[in-house]
Protein backbone atom coordinates (compact mmCIF):
# COMPACT_ATOMS: atom_id res chain seq x y z
CA MET A 1 -57.90 -4.81 216.55
CA GLN A 2 -55.32 -2.57 214.97
CA SER A 3 -56.02 1.09 215.57
CA ILE A 4 -56.09 3.58 212.71
CA PRO A 5 -53.69 6.51 213.15
CA GLY A 6 -55.40 9.76 213.97
CA ASN A 7 -54.04 11.46 210.88
CA ALA A 8 -55.32 8.73 208.52
CA ASN A 9 -58.42 10.70 207.51
CA VAL A 10 -56.28 13.77 206.88
CA ASP A 11 -53.95 11.74 204.65
CA ILE A 12 -56.86 10.28 202.67
CA THR A 13 -58.43 13.72 202.22
CA LYS A 14 -55.09 15.08 201.02
CA MET A 15 -54.65 12.17 198.62
CA LEU A 16 -58.15 12.66 197.14
CA ALA A 17 -57.52 16.39 196.75
CA GLU A 18 -54.25 15.68 194.93
CA LEU A 19 -55.97 13.20 192.61
CA ARG A 20 -58.65 15.79 191.87
CA GLU A 21 -56.06 18.45 191.10
CA GLY A 22 -54.17 16.02 188.89
CA PHE A 23 -57.35 15.25 186.96
CA LEU A 24 -58.03 18.97 186.44
CA ALA A 25 -54.42 19.62 185.42
CA ASP A 26 -54.56 16.86 182.80
CA LEU A 27 -57.98 17.88 181.46
CA PRO A 28 -56.87 20.59 178.97
CA ALA A 29 -54.56 18.14 177.19
CA ARG A 30 -57.30 15.47 177.15
CA LEU A 31 -59.78 17.93 175.67
CA GLU A 32 -57.27 18.84 172.95
CA GLU A 33 -56.84 15.16 172.13
CA ILE A 34 -60.62 14.67 171.92
CA GLU A 35 -60.95 17.78 169.74
CA ASP A 36 -58.31 16.41 167.34
CA ILE A 37 -60.25 13.15 167.05
CA ILE A 38 -63.46 15.00 166.22
CA LEU A 39 -61.79 17.21 163.59
CA ALA A 40 -60.30 14.16 161.87
CA MET A 41 -63.46 12.06 161.79
CA ARG A 42 -65.08 13.44 158.63
CA SER A 43 -62.16 12.31 156.48
CA SER A 44 -60.79 9.56 158.68
CA GLY A 45 -59.88 6.23 157.12
CA SER A 46 -60.23 4.66 160.55
CA PHE A 47 -63.63 6.08 161.47
CA THR A 48 -64.74 3.15 163.63
CA GLU A 49 -61.62 3.34 165.78
CA ASP A 50 -61.93 7.13 166.09
CA TYR A 51 -65.61 6.91 166.96
CA GLU A 52 -64.98 4.32 169.64
CA ALA A 53 -62.05 6.37 171.00
CA LEU A 54 -64.25 9.48 171.17
CA TYR A 55 -66.98 7.66 173.08
CA ARG A 56 -64.42 6.00 175.37
CA HIS A 57 -62.78 9.34 176.21
CA ILE A 58 -66.08 11.04 177.10
CA HIS A 59 -67.34 8.04 179.05
CA SER A 60 -64.09 7.98 181.03
CA LEU A 61 -64.26 11.72 181.72
CA LYS A 62 -67.85 11.34 182.92
CA GLY A 63 -66.92 8.65 185.40
CA SER A 64 -63.72 10.30 186.63
CA SER A 65 -65.30 13.72 187.10
CA GLY A 66 -68.15 12.17 189.06
CA THR A 67 -65.64 10.38 191.30
CA HIS A 68 -63.87 13.67 192.00
CA GLY A 69 -67.13 15.50 192.77
CA LEU A 70 -66.95 17.58 189.58
CA HIS A 71 -70.61 17.06 188.79
CA ILE A 72 -70.94 19.85 186.23
CA ILE A 73 -68.30 18.17 184.06
CA SER A 74 -70.00 14.80 184.53
CA THR A 75 -73.34 16.30 183.50
CA VAL A 76 -71.88 17.84 180.33
CA CYS A 77 -70.15 14.57 179.46
CA HIS A 78 -73.38 12.60 179.86
CA ALA A 79 -75.16 14.95 177.45
CA PHE A 80 -72.17 14.68 175.10
CA GLU A 81 -72.46 10.88 175.18
CA ASP A 82 -76.09 11.16 174.13
CA VAL A 83 -75.28 13.05 170.93
CA ILE A 84 -72.34 10.78 170.10
CA ILE A 85 -74.63 7.74 170.33
CA GLU A 86 -77.08 9.30 167.88
CA ILE A 87 -75.00 8.30 164.83
CA ASP A 88 -74.43 4.73 166.10
CA GLY A 89 -70.91 4.56 164.73
CA ASP A 90 -72.15 5.07 161.15
CA GLN A 91 -69.83 7.42 159.27
CA SER A 92 -72.49 8.08 156.63
CA LEU A 93 -74.65 9.73 159.30
CA LEU A 94 -71.91 12.13 160.42
CA THR A 95 -72.52 15.68 159.17
CA ASP A 96 -70.85 19.06 159.61
CA LYS A 97 -73.64 19.85 162.06
CA HIS A 98 -72.59 16.93 164.26
CA VAL A 99 -68.96 18.04 164.22
CA THR A 100 -69.91 21.63 165.11
CA ASN A 101 -72.18 20.39 167.89
CA TRP A 102 -69.51 18.08 169.34
CA LEU A 103 -66.94 20.86 169.29
CA ALA A 104 -69.41 23.06 171.16
CA TYR A 105 -69.45 20.44 173.93
CA ILE A 106 -65.65 20.62 174.09
CA ASP A 107 -65.88 24.41 174.42
CA LEU A 108 -68.44 23.99 177.18
CA LEU A 109 -66.16 21.59 179.06
CA ARG A 110 -63.36 24.16 178.82
CA LYS A 111 -65.65 26.86 180.21
CA ALA A 112 -66.63 24.55 183.07
CA LEU A 113 -62.95 23.90 183.78
CA ASP A 114 -62.27 27.65 183.86
CA LEU A 115 -65.07 28.18 186.36
CA ILE A 116 -63.89 25.31 188.55
CA SER A 117 -60.32 26.67 188.47
CA ALA A 118 -61.70 30.04 189.59
CA ALA A 119 -63.45 28.29 192.52
CA ALA A 120 -66.89 29.20 191.16
CA GLN A 121 -69.92 27.78 192.95
CA ASN A 122 -72.56 28.74 190.40
CA PHE A 123 -72.65 26.93 187.06
CA ALA A 124 -75.93 28.39 185.77
CA GLU A 125 -74.19 29.70 182.66
CA ILE A 126 -72.96 26.20 181.81
CA GLU A 127 -76.38 24.67 182.49
CA GLU A 128 -78.11 27.21 180.23
CA SER A 129 -75.63 26.56 177.42
CA LEU A 130 -76.11 22.83 177.91
CA ASP A 131 -79.88 23.20 177.60
CA ALA A 132 -79.36 25.03 174.30
CA LEU A 133 -77.07 22.28 173.00
CA ARG A 134 -79.59 19.62 174.02
CA GLY A 135 -82.19 21.31 171.85
CA ARG A 136 -84.56 22.55 174.53
CA GLY A 137 -86.69 25.39 173.30
CA SER A 138 -86.44 24.17 169.70
CA GLU A 139 -88.40 21.37 168.05
CA PHE A 140 -88.03 19.20 171.15
CA ASP A 141 -90.65 19.97 173.79
CA PHE A 142 -90.05 16.98 176.05
CA ARG A 143 -87.09 15.07 177.40
CA GLY A 144 -87.03 11.30 177.85
CA LEU A 145 -84.58 8.84 179.40
CA LEU A 146 -83.91 5.47 177.73
CA VAL A 147 -82.37 2.88 180.05
CA MET A 148 -81.23 -0.26 178.28
CA ASN A 149 -78.18 -2.20 177.11
CA SER A 150 -79.74 -3.41 173.87
CA GLU A 151 -78.97 -1.25 170.83
CA LEU A 152 -81.86 -2.92 168.99
CA HIS A 153 -84.41 -2.01 171.65
CA ARG A 154 -83.05 1.54 171.81
CA LYS A 155 -83.51 1.90 168.05
CA LEU A 156 -87.05 0.51 168.23
CA CYS A 157 -87.95 3.00 170.96
CA LEU A 158 -86.52 5.89 168.94
CA SER A 159 -88.47 4.66 165.90
CA ALA A 160 -91.71 4.72 167.90
CA PHE A 161 -91.09 8.36 168.88
CA GLU A 162 -89.91 9.43 165.43
CA GLY A 163 -91.65 12.64 164.43
CA LEU A 164 -92.73 13.33 168.01
CA PRO A 165 -91.23 16.23 170.01
CA VAL A 166 -89.10 14.15 172.38
CA LYS A 167 -85.32 14.30 172.84
CA PHE A 168 -83.82 11.24 174.56
CA SER A 169 -80.86 10.74 176.85
CA TYR A 170 -79.41 7.27 177.32
CA SER A 171 -78.04 5.06 180.08
CA ASN A 172 -77.20 1.37 180.34
CA SER A 173 -77.01 1.40 184.14
CA GLY A 174 -79.99 1.40 186.48
CA TYR A 175 -78.09 3.15 189.26
CA GLU A 176 -76.78 5.81 186.90
CA ALA A 177 -80.32 6.32 185.57
CA LEU A 178 -81.68 6.75 189.09
CA GLY A 179 -79.01 9.36 189.78
CA LEU A 180 -79.94 11.21 186.60
CA LEU A 181 -83.63 11.10 187.50
CA ILE A 182 -82.83 12.57 190.90
CA LYS A 183 -80.63 15.36 189.55
CA GLU A 184 -82.20 16.36 186.23
CA PRO A 185 -85.72 17.04 184.90
CA TYR A 186 -87.25 14.44 182.59
CA ASP A 187 -90.72 14.06 181.08
CA LEU A 188 -90.77 10.27 180.55
CA LEU A 189 -88.82 7.11 181.30
CA ILE A 190 -88.44 3.94 179.22
CA THR A 191 -86.45 1.05 180.64
CA ASN A 192 -85.78 -2.60 179.97
CA MET A 193 -86.43 -4.95 182.88
CA GLU A 194 -82.99 -6.45 182.29
CA VAL A 195 -80.60 -3.60 183.13
CA SER A 196 -77.22 -3.91 184.78
CA ASP A 197 -76.97 -3.27 188.55
CA LEU A 198 -80.60 -2.13 189.08
CA GLN A 199 -83.41 -3.70 187.08
CA GLY A 200 -86.16 -1.73 185.40
CA LEU A 201 -89.01 -2.44 187.79
CA PRO A 202 -87.09 -1.52 190.98
CA LEU A 203 -85.87 1.61 189.17
CA ILE A 204 -89.42 2.72 188.42
CA SER A 205 -90.55 1.77 191.94
CA ALA A 206 -87.73 3.76 193.55
CA LEU A 207 -88.63 6.78 191.45
CA ARG A 208 -92.34 6.47 192.26
CA ILE A 209 -91.89 6.41 196.05
CA SER A 210 -89.47 9.33 196.02
CA THR A 211 -90.45 12.97 196.49
CA ASN A 212 -88.46 13.85 193.40
CA ARG A 213 -89.94 16.12 190.73
CA ASN A 214 -89.80 13.18 188.29
CA SER A 215 -91.69 10.79 190.55
CA LYS A 216 -94.89 10.93 188.50
CA ILE A 217 -93.52 11.03 184.96
CA PRO A 218 -94.93 8.43 182.53
CA SER A 219 -92.93 5.20 182.62
CA VAL A 220 -92.61 2.29 180.21
CA LEU A 221 -91.17 -1.12 181.16
CA LEU A 222 -90.03 -3.53 178.44
CA THR A 223 -89.81 -7.13 179.61
CA SER A 224 -89.46 -10.66 178.28
CA GLY A 225 -91.28 -12.11 181.29
CA SER A 226 -94.60 -11.55 182.99
CA ILE A 227 -95.28 -8.94 185.64
CA GLU A 228 -97.33 -10.04 188.61
CA HIS A 229 -99.57 -7.77 190.66
CA TYR A 230 -97.73 -4.96 192.44
CA ASN A 231 -98.74 -1.96 194.47
CA LYS A 232 -100.50 0.23 191.92
CA LYS A 233 -98.76 3.34 193.24
CA ILE A 234 -95.41 2.03 192.02
CA ASP A 235 -96.54 0.25 188.87
CA PRO A 236 -95.15 1.30 185.46
CA ASP A 237 -97.69 3.11 183.30
CA TYR A 238 -96.98 0.71 180.44
CA VAL A 239 -95.65 -2.86 180.53
CA ILE A 240 -94.73 -3.98 177.02
CA LYS A 241 -93.75 -7.54 176.23
CA LYS A 242 -90.72 -8.03 174.02
CA ASP A 243 -92.51 -10.25 171.52
CA GLU A 244 -94.00 -9.92 168.05
CA HIS A 245 -96.26 -7.11 169.32
CA LEU A 246 -93.40 -5.01 170.76
CA MET A 247 -93.44 -2.34 168.07
CA GLU A 248 -97.23 -2.06 168.21
CA GLY A 249 -97.05 -1.52 171.97
CA LEU A 250 -94.28 1.07 171.67
CA ASN A 251 -96.13 3.05 169.00
CA LYS A 252 -99.30 3.11 171.11
CA ALA A 253 -97.42 4.16 174.25
CA ALA A 254 -95.50 6.88 172.40
CA LYS A 255 -98.63 8.56 171.03
CA GLU A 256 -100.52 8.34 174.32
CA ILE A 257 -97.60 9.63 176.40
CA VAL A 258 -96.91 12.63 174.16
CA SER A 259 -100.62 13.45 174.08
CA GLN A 260 -100.71 13.28 177.89
CA LEU A 261 -97.61 15.44 178.21
CA ARG A 262 -99.07 18.05 175.90
CA GLU A 263 -102.29 18.18 177.89
CA THR A 264 -100.34 18.53 181.12
CA ARG A 265 -98.22 21.32 179.63
CA VAL A 266 -101.35 23.20 178.56
CA ASP A 267 -102.94 22.78 182.00
CA ASP A 268 -99.79 24.14 183.65
């Protein structure tokens, strides 16, 4: 077996550090490019292309910053993705409020970059600003996570919660969703069974057996198949078949979950 030189780990560490520094050095120019896209979108004749470019940029930044251990940037980018998705690529839904909100996320990313460049260890200021941008403390009392690839199912879930005080974040990856549930506070989880890389039922089960603060949040599983008997401690709270009764099941679950959350909040 060929031996690995003793300085190999040092070289790899140095290489990763250089890649991280390169990412940070390029970030101001990338943020300027993203800002220009946002400012042009209200009057853009190529809105679809600009919208897709905006989402692609933020999604790329989220992944790259996570790879480099820059979790505060990744967290801001994930929240930014959520608000971009809200208009579903429909230019008629884009308002001045959206543009102002998106630009605020760019400002927040710049502040995070400044703190990282100053070797800061505490990002409480960024987290507080992020909470304000997400709408906590306003009309949204609760925070949910939607995990699904299907745009149709996402829209149906949002329709069921329309008028209820819930603000949703989104993911199309089971592993990413599990990471979010470990790192951030949520009040409810809705997932399709069919999710890339980690299916809905194992996701809920993993959350249930953890000691995480989200381990007991209400959970909804949407599935095309049947669910056999499982250990009740790890069962979803609601299993809704994706059939002609899907919307009826979602509406019922939405009302019951929000009622339960309100009761819990009062008891606390």
